[in-house]
Amino acid sequence: MNIELGPHERLDDLVLDGMKVIQRDDQFCFSLDTVLLAHFGAVPHGPALDLGTGTAAIPLILTARGAKR
């Protein structure tokens, strides 16, 4: 898949099933630490609430890993 990026955009890998996210380099971006944290923790089996994770990378990864809600 060929993705055309706009000005100040970059394509970052979530290191899971080829998932990638477009981020702007002139705004807050998640880093490798965020991706590692989301891969390290247990996947919640019940409802989970995203409060203040910023870029939503953690909920995206947890959902891909099997979190249901």
PDB file of N, CA and C in Angstrom:
ATOM      1  N   MET A   1       0.845  -1.168   0.000  1.00  0.00           N
ATOM      2  CA  MET A   1       0.000   0.000   0.000  1.00  0.00           C
ATOM      3  C   MET A   1       0.898   1.242   0.000  1.00  0.00           C
ATOM      4  N   ASN A   2       0.650   2.132  -0.907  1.00  0.00           N
ATOM      5  CA  ASN A   2       1.424   3.363  -1.020  1.00  0.00           C
ATOM      6  C   ASN A   2       0.605   4.508  -0.428  1.00  0.00           C
ATOM      7  N   ILE A   3       1.123   5.114   0.625  1.00  0.00           N
ATOM      8  CA  ILE A   3       0.416   6.191   1.314  1.00  0.00           C
ATOM      9  C   ILE A   3       1.136   7.499   1.046  1.00  0.00           C
ATOM     10  N   GLU A   4       0.377   8.485   0.600  1.00  0.00           N
ATOM     11  CA  GLU A   4       0.959   9.798   0.352  1.00  0.00           C
ATOM     12  C   GLU A   4       0.806  10.650   1.608  1.00  0.00           C
ATOM     13  N   LEU A   5       1.928  11.059   2.172  1.00  0.00           N
ATOM     14  CA  LEU A   5       1.921  11.855   3.393  1.00  0.00           C
ATOM     15  C   LEU A   5       1.921  13.339   3.060  1.00  0.00           C
ATOM     16  N   GLY A   6       1.245  14.098   3.893  1.00  0.00           N
ATOM     17  CA  GLY A   6       1.209  15.540   3.730  1.00  0.00           C
ATOM     18  C   GLY A   6       2.386  16.196   4.429  1.00  0.00           C
ATOM     19  N   PRO A   7       2.451  17.507   4.360  1.00  0.00           N
ATOM     20  CA  PRO A   7       3.514  18.230   5.050  1.00  0.00           C
ATOM     21  C   PRO A   7       3.458  17.954   6.557  1.00  0.00           C
ATOM     22  N   HIS A   8       4.591  17.767   7.161  1.00  0.00           N
ATOM     23  CA  HIS A   8       4.735  17.515   8.595  1.00  0.00           C
ATOM     24  C   HIS A   8       4.100  16.200   9.042  1.00  0.00           C
ATOM     25  N   GLU A   9       3.839  15.275   8.136  1.00  0.00           N
ATOM     26  CA  GLU A   9       3.287  13.984   8.515  1.00  0.00           C
ATOM     27  C   GLU A   9       4.351  12.903   8.379  1.00  0.00           C
ATOM     28  N   ARG A  10       4.240  11.915   9.267  1.00  0.00           N
ATOM     29  CA  ARG A  10       5.128  10.758   9.191  1.00  0.00           C
ATOM     30  C   ARG A  10       4.314   9.509   9.489  1.00  0.00           C
ATOM     31  N   LEU A  11       4.802   8.379   9.035  1.00  0.00           N
ATOM     32  CA  LEU A  11       4.125   7.104   9.225  1.00  0.00           C
ATOM     33  C   LEU A  11       4.890   6.312  10.277  1.00  0.00           C
ATOM     34  N   ASP A  12       4.231   6.001  11.393  1.00  0.00           N
ATOM     35  CA  ASP A  12       4.872   5.285  12.489  1.00  0.00           C
ATOM     36  C   ASP A  12       4.245   3.917  12.669  1.00  0.00           C
ATOM     37  N   ASP A  13       5.078   2.941  12.981  1.00  0.00           N
ATOM     38  CA  ASP A  13       4.683   1.540  13.115  1.00  0.00           C
ATOM     39  C   ASP A  13       4.244   1.256  14.549  1.00  0.00           C
ATOM     40  N   LEU A  14       3.124   0.543  14.719  1.00  0.00           N
ATOM     41  CA  LEU A  14       2.663   0.137  16.036  1.00  0.00           C
ATOM     42  C   LEU A  14       3.206  -1.239  16.424  1.00  0.00           C
ATOM     43  N   VAL A  15       4.020  -1.835  15.570  1.00  0.00           N
ATOM     44  CA  VAL A  15       4.682  -3.120  15.815  1.00  0.00           C
ATOM     45  C   VAL A  15       3.655  -4.208  16.147  1.00  0.00           C
ATOM     46  N   LEU A  16       2.571  -4.247  15.387  1.00  0.00           N
ATOM     47  CA  LEU A  16       1.540  -5.254  15.580  1.00  0.00           C
ATOM     48  C   LEU A  16       0.766  -5.447  14.284  1.00  0.00           C
ATOM     49  N   ASP A  17       0.933  -6.584  13.679  1.00  0.00           N
ATOM     50  CA  ASP A  17       0.177  -6.936  12.474  1.00  0.00           C
ATOM     51  C   ASP A  17       0.251  -5.885  11.374  1.00  0.00           C
ATOM     52  N   GLY A  18       1.361  -5.182  11.271  1.00  0.00           N
ATOM     53  CA  GLY A  18       1.530  -4.184  10.219  1.00  0.00           C
ATOM     54  C   GLY A  18       0.759  -2.888  10.437  1.00  0.00           C
ATOM     55  N   MET A  19       0.183  -2.707  11.630  1.00  0.00           N
ATOM     56  CA  MET A  19      -0.571  -1.476  11.906  1.00  0.00           C
ATOM     57  C   MET A  19       0.361  -0.275  11.925  1.00  0.00           C
ATOM     58  N   LYS A  20      -0.046   0.775  11.253  1.00  0.00           N
ATOM     59  CA  LYS A  20       0.719   2.013  11.209  1.00  0.00           C
ATOM     60  C   LYS A  20      -0.222   3.189  11.448  1.00  0.00           C
ATOM     61  N   VAL A  21       0.330   4.274  11.978  1.00  0.00           N
ATOM     62  CA  VAL A  21      -0.443   5.470  12.280  1.00  0.00           C
ATOM     63  C   VAL A  21       0.265   6.671  11.684  1.00  0.00           C
ATOM     64  N   ILE A  22      -0.496   7.555  11.061  1.00  0.00           N
ATOM     65  CA  ILE A  22       0.076   8.806  10.554  1.00  0.00           C
ATOM     66  C   ILE A  22       0.056   9.821  11.696  1.00  0.00           C
ATOM     67  N   GLN A  23       1.216  10.418  11.952  1.00  0.00           N
ATOM     68  CA  GLN A  23       1.334  11.438  12.989  1.00  0.00           C
ATOM     69  C   GLN A  23       1.962  12.688  12.393  1.00  0.00           C
ATOM     70  N   ARG A  24       1.613  13.815  12.956  1.00  0.00           N
ATOM     71  CA  ARG A  24       2.233  15.077  12.548  1.00  0.00           C
ATOM     72  C   ARG A  24       3.479  15.295  13.387  1.00  0.00           C
ATOM     73  N   ASP A  25       4.577  15.643  12.740  1.00  0.00           N
ATOM     74  CA  ASP A  25       5.827  15.843  13.468  1.00  0.00           C
ATOM     75  C   ASP A  25       5.921  17.202  14.153  1.00  0.00           C
ATOM     76  N   ASP A  26       4.951  18.075  13.917  1.00  0.00           N
ATOM     77  CA  ASP A  26       4.950  19.377  14.582  1.00  0.00           C
ATOM     78  C   ASP A  26       3.954  19.418  15.750  1.00  0.00           C
ATOM     79  N   GLN A  27       3.428  18.247  16.137  1.00  0.00           N
ATOM     80  CA  GLN A  27       2.522  18.131  17.273  1.00  0.00           C
ATOM     81  C   GLN A  27       2.988  16.983  18.151  1.00  0.00           C
ATOM     82  N   PHE A  28       2.334  16.788  19.308  1.00  0.00           N
ATOM     83  CA  PHE A  28       2.711  15.703  20.202  1.00  0.00           C
ATOM     84  C   PHE A  28       2.548  14.364  19.492  1.00  0.00           C
ATOM     85  N   CYS A  29       3.555  13.518  19.575  1.00  0.00           N
ATOM     86  CA  CYS A  29       3.534  12.193  18.955  1.00  0.00           C
ATOM     87  C   CYS A  29       3.878  11.137  19.991  1.00  0.00           C
ATOM     88  N   PHE A  30       3.311   9.955  19.832  1.00  0.00           N
ATOM     89  CA  PHE A  30       3.731   8.861  20.697  1.00  0.00           C
ATOM     90  C   PHE A  30       5.101   8.387  20.247  1.00  0.00           C
ATOM     91  N   SER A  31       5.782   7.687  21.139  1.00  0.00           N
ATOM     92  CA  SER A  31       7.128   7.205  20.837  1.00  0.00           C
ATOM     93  C   SER A  31       7.182   5.694  21.020  1.00  0.00           C
ATOM     94  N   LEU A  32       8.345   5.127  20.848  1.00  0.00           N
ATOM     95  CA  LEU A  32       8.538   3.697  21.028  1.00  0.00           C
ATOM     96  C   LEU A  32       8.190   3.271  22.454  1.00  0.00           C
ATOM     97  N   ASP A  33       8.422   4.126  23.436  1.00  0.00           N
ATOM     98  CA  ASP A  33       8.067   3.806  24.825  1.00  0.00           C
ATOM     99  C   ASP A  33       6.580   3.485  24.953  1.00  0.00           C
ATOM    100  N   THR A  34       5.745   4.249  24.282  1.00  0.00           N
ATOM    101  CA  THR A  34       4.300   4.018  24.308  1.00  0.00           C
ATOM    102  C   THR A  34       3.954   2.663  23.726  1.00  0.00           C
ATOM    103  N   VAL A  35       4.564   2.336  22.595  1.00  0.00           N
ATOM    104  CA  VAL A  35       4.301   1.058  21.925  1.00  0.00           C
ATOM    105  C   VAL A  35       4.754  -0.100  22.811  1.00  0.00           C
ATOM    106  N   LEU A  36       5.941   0.015  23.399  1.00  0.00           N
ATOM    107  CA  LEU A  36       6.444  -1.050  24.275  1.00  0.00           C
ATOM    108  C   LEU A  36       5.548  -1.229  25.492  1.00  0.00           C
ATOM    109  N   LEU A  37       5.100  -0.145  26.091  1.00  0.00           N
ATOM    110  CA  LEU A  37       4.211  -0.215  27.246  1.00  0.00           C
ATOM    111  C   LEU A  37       2.922  -0.958  26.901  1.00  0.00           C
ATOM    112  N   ALA A  38       2.328  -0.656  25.767  1.00  0.00           N
ATOM    113  CA  ALA A  38       1.076  -1.298  25.360  1.00  0.00           C
ATOM    114  C   ALA A  38       1.269  -2.773  25.056  1.00  0.00           C
ATOM    115  N   HIS A  39       2.460  -3.166  24.608  1.00  0.00           N
ATOM    116  CA  HIS A  39       2.738  -4.576  24.328  1.00  0.00           C
ATOM    117  C   HIS A  39       3.096  -5.339  25.601  1.00  0.00           C
ATOM    118  N   PHE A  40       3.593  -4.655  26.615  1.00  0.00           N
ATOM    119  CA  PHE A  40       4.070  -5.291  27.837  1.00  0.00           C
ATOM    120  C   PHE A  40       2.934  -5.674  28.777  1.00  0.00           C
ATOM    121  N   GLY A  41       1.950  -4.826  28.908  1.00  0.00           N
ATOM    122  CA  GLY A  41       0.878  -5.033  29.878  1.00  0.00           C
ATOM    123  C   GLY A  41      -0.096  -6.115  29.462  1.00  0.00           C
ATOM    124  N   ALA A  42      -0.856  -6.566  30.461  1.00  0.00           N
ATOM    125  CA  ALA A  42      -1.909  -7.546  30.206  1.00  0.00           C
ATOM    126  C   ALA A  42      -3.070  -6.878  29.479  1.00  0.00           C
ATOM    127  N   VAL A  43      -3.758  -7.664  28.682  1.00  0.00           N
ATOM    128  CA  VAL A  43      -4.928  -7.151  27.964  1.00  0.00           C
ATOM    129  C   VAL A  43      -6.130  -7.237  28.900  1.00  0.00           C
ATOM    130  N   PRO A  44      -6.831  -6.120  29.133  1.00  0.00           N
ATOM    131  CA  PRO A  44      -7.990  -6.163  30.029  1.00  0.00           C
ATOM    132  C   PRO A  44      -9.125  -6.991  29.426  1.00  0.00           C
ATOM    133  N   HIS A  45      -9.745  -7.831  30.256  1.00  0.00           N
ATOM    134  CA  HIS A  45     -10.854  -8.663  29.768  1.00  0.00           C
ATOM    135  C   HIS A  45     -12.193  -7.964  29.937  1.00  0.00           C
ATOM    136  N   GLY A  46     -12.278  -7.063  30.881  1.00  0.00           N
ATOM    137  CA  GLY A  46     -13.510  -6.302  31.091  1.00  0.00           C
ATOM    138  C   GLY A  46     -13.392  -4.950  30.424  1.00  0.00           C
ATOM    139  N   PRO A  47     -14.330  -4.069  30.718  1.00  0.00           N
ATOM    140  CA  PRO A  47     -14.278  -2.720  30.138  1.00  0.00           C
ATOM    141  C   PRO A  47     -13.020  -1.972  30.588  1.00  0.00           C
ATOM    142  N   ALA A  48     -12.487  -1.166  29.698  1.00  0.00           N
ATOM    143  CA  ALA A  48     -11.324  -0.338  30.009  1.00  0.00           C
ATOM    144  C   ALA A  48     -11.650   1.096  29.618  1.00  0.00           C
ATOM    145  N   LEU A  49     -11.018   2.032  30.274  1.00  0.00           N
ATOM    146  CA  LEU A  49     -11.278   3.441  30.013  1.00  0.00           C
ATOM    147  C   LEU A  49      -9.960   4.141  29.711  1.00  0.00           C
ATOM    148  N   ASP A  50      -9.908   4.840  28.611  1.00  0.00           N
ATOM    149  CA  ASP A  50      -8.721   5.587  28.204  1.00  0.00           C
ATOM    150  C   ASP A  50      -8.817   7.002  28.752  1.00  0.00           C
ATOM    151  N   LEU A  51      -7.966   7.306  29.715  1.00  0.00           N
ATOM    152  CA  LEU A  51      -7.941   8.651  30.281  1.00  0.00           C
ATOM    153  C   LEU A  51      -6.540   9.227  30.136  1.00  0.00           C
ATOM    154  N   GLY A  52      -6.380  10.156  29.238  1.00  0.00           N
ATOM    155  CA  GLY A  52      -5.132  10.892  29.146  1.00  0.00           C
ATOM    156  C   GLY A  52      -3.968  10.182  28.502  1.00  0.00           C
ATOM    157  N   THR A  53      -4.203   9.232  27.607  1.00  0.00           N
ATOM    158  CA  THR A  53      -3.074   8.602  26.929  1.00  0.00           C
ATOM    159  C   THR A  53      -2.604   9.418  25.735  1.00  0.00           C
ATOM    160  N   GLY A  54      -3.283  10.512  25.460  1.00  0.00           N
ATOM    161  CA  GLY A  54      -2.811  11.448  24.438  1.00  0.00           C
ATOM    162  C   GLY A  54      -3.166  11.068  23.022  1.00  0.00           C
ATOM    163  N   THR A  55      -2.402  10.206  22.414  1.00  0.00           N
ATOM    164  CA  THR A  55      -2.554   9.922  20.988  1.00  0.00           C
ATOM    165  C   THR A  55      -3.403   8.697  20.691  1.00  0.00           C
ATOM    166  N   ALA A  56      -3.881   8.020  21.715  1.00  0.00           N
ATOM    167  CA  ALA A  56      -4.708   6.811  21.605  1.00  0.00           C
ATOM    168  C   ALA A  56      -3.961   5.614  21.047  1.00  0.00           C
ATOM    169  N   ALA A  57      -2.644   5.647  21.024  1.00  0.00           N
ATOM    170  CA  ALA A  57      -1.876   4.496  20.541  1.00  0.00           C
ATOM    171  C   ALA A  57      -2.065   3.293  21.454  1.00  0.00           C
ATOM    172  N   ILE A  58      -2.106   3.513  22.765  1.00  0.00           N
ATOM    173  CA  ILE A  58      -2.263   2.397  23.704  1.00  0.00           C
ATOM    174  C   ILE A  58      -3.615   1.700  23.513  1.00  0.00           C
ATOM    175  N   PRO A  59      -4.739   2.423  23.476  1.00  0.00           N
ATOM    176  CA  PRO A  59      -6.010   1.729  23.234  1.00  0.00           C
ATOM    177  C   PRO A  59      -6.065   1.025  21.869  1.00  0.00           C
ATOM    178  N   LEU A  60      -5.455   1.605  20.848  1.00  0.00           N
ATOM    179  CA  LEU A  60      -5.433   0.937  19.542  1.00  0.00           C
ATOM    180  C   LEU A  60      -4.702  -0.397  19.613  1.00  0.00           C
ATOM    181  N   ILE A  61      -3.558  -0.404  20.280  1.00  0.00           N
ATOM    182  CA  ILE A  61      -2.774  -1.632  20.393  1.00  0.00           C
ATOM    183  C   ILE A  61      -3.506  -2.652  21.271  1.00  0.00           C
ATOM    184  N   LEU A  62      -4.051  -2.214  22.405  1.00  0.00           N
ATOM    185  CA  LEU A  62      -4.766  -3.141  23.275  1.00  0.00           C
ATOM    186  C   LEU A  62      -5.984  -3.761  22.577  1.00  0.00           C
ATOM    187  N   THR A  63      -6.678  -2.961  21.782  1.00  0.00           N
ATOM    188  CA  THR A  63      -7.809  -3.487  21.020  1.00  0.00           C
ATOM    189  C   THR A  63      -7.343  -4.535  20.009  1.00  0.00           C
ATOM    190  N   ALA A  64      -6.251  -4.263  19.335  1.00  0.00           N
ATOM    191  CA  ALA A  64      -5.703  -5.222  18.370  1.00  0.00           C
ATOM    192  C   ALA A  64      -5.223  -6.494  19.070  1.00  0.00           C
ATOM    193  N   ARG A  65      -4.808  -6.368  20.334  1.00  0.00           N
ATOM    194  CA  ARG A  65      -4.353  -7.524  21.110  1.00  0.00           C
ATOM    195  C   ARG A  65      -5.506  -8.292  21.748  1.00  0.00           C
ATOM    196  N   GLY A  66      -6.748  -7.805  21.621  1.00  0.00           N
ATOM    197  CA  GLY A  66      -7.881  -8.576  22.101  1.00  0.00           C
ATOM    198  C   GLY A  66      -8.768  -7.912  23.115  1.00  0.00           C
ATOM    199  N   ALA A  67      -8.467  -6.680  23.535  1.00  0.00           N
ATOM    200  CA  ALA A  67      -9.361  -5.979  24.458  1.00  0.00           C
ATOM    201  C   ALA A  67     -10.710  -5.781  23.763  1.00  0.00           C
ATOM    202  N   LYS A  68     -11.769  -6.007  24.500  1.00  0.00           N
ATOM    203  CA  LYS A  68     -13.101  -5.986  23.885  1.00  0.00           C
ATOM    204  C   LYS A  68     -13.776  -4.636  23.947  1.00  0.00           C
ATOM    205  N   ARG A  69     -13.676  -3.924  25.054  1.00  0.00           N
ATOM    206  CA  ARG A  69     -14.367  -2.644  25.208  1.00  0.00           C
ATOM    207  C   ARG A  69     -13.498  -1.675  25.956  1.00  0.00           C
TER     208      ARG A  69
END
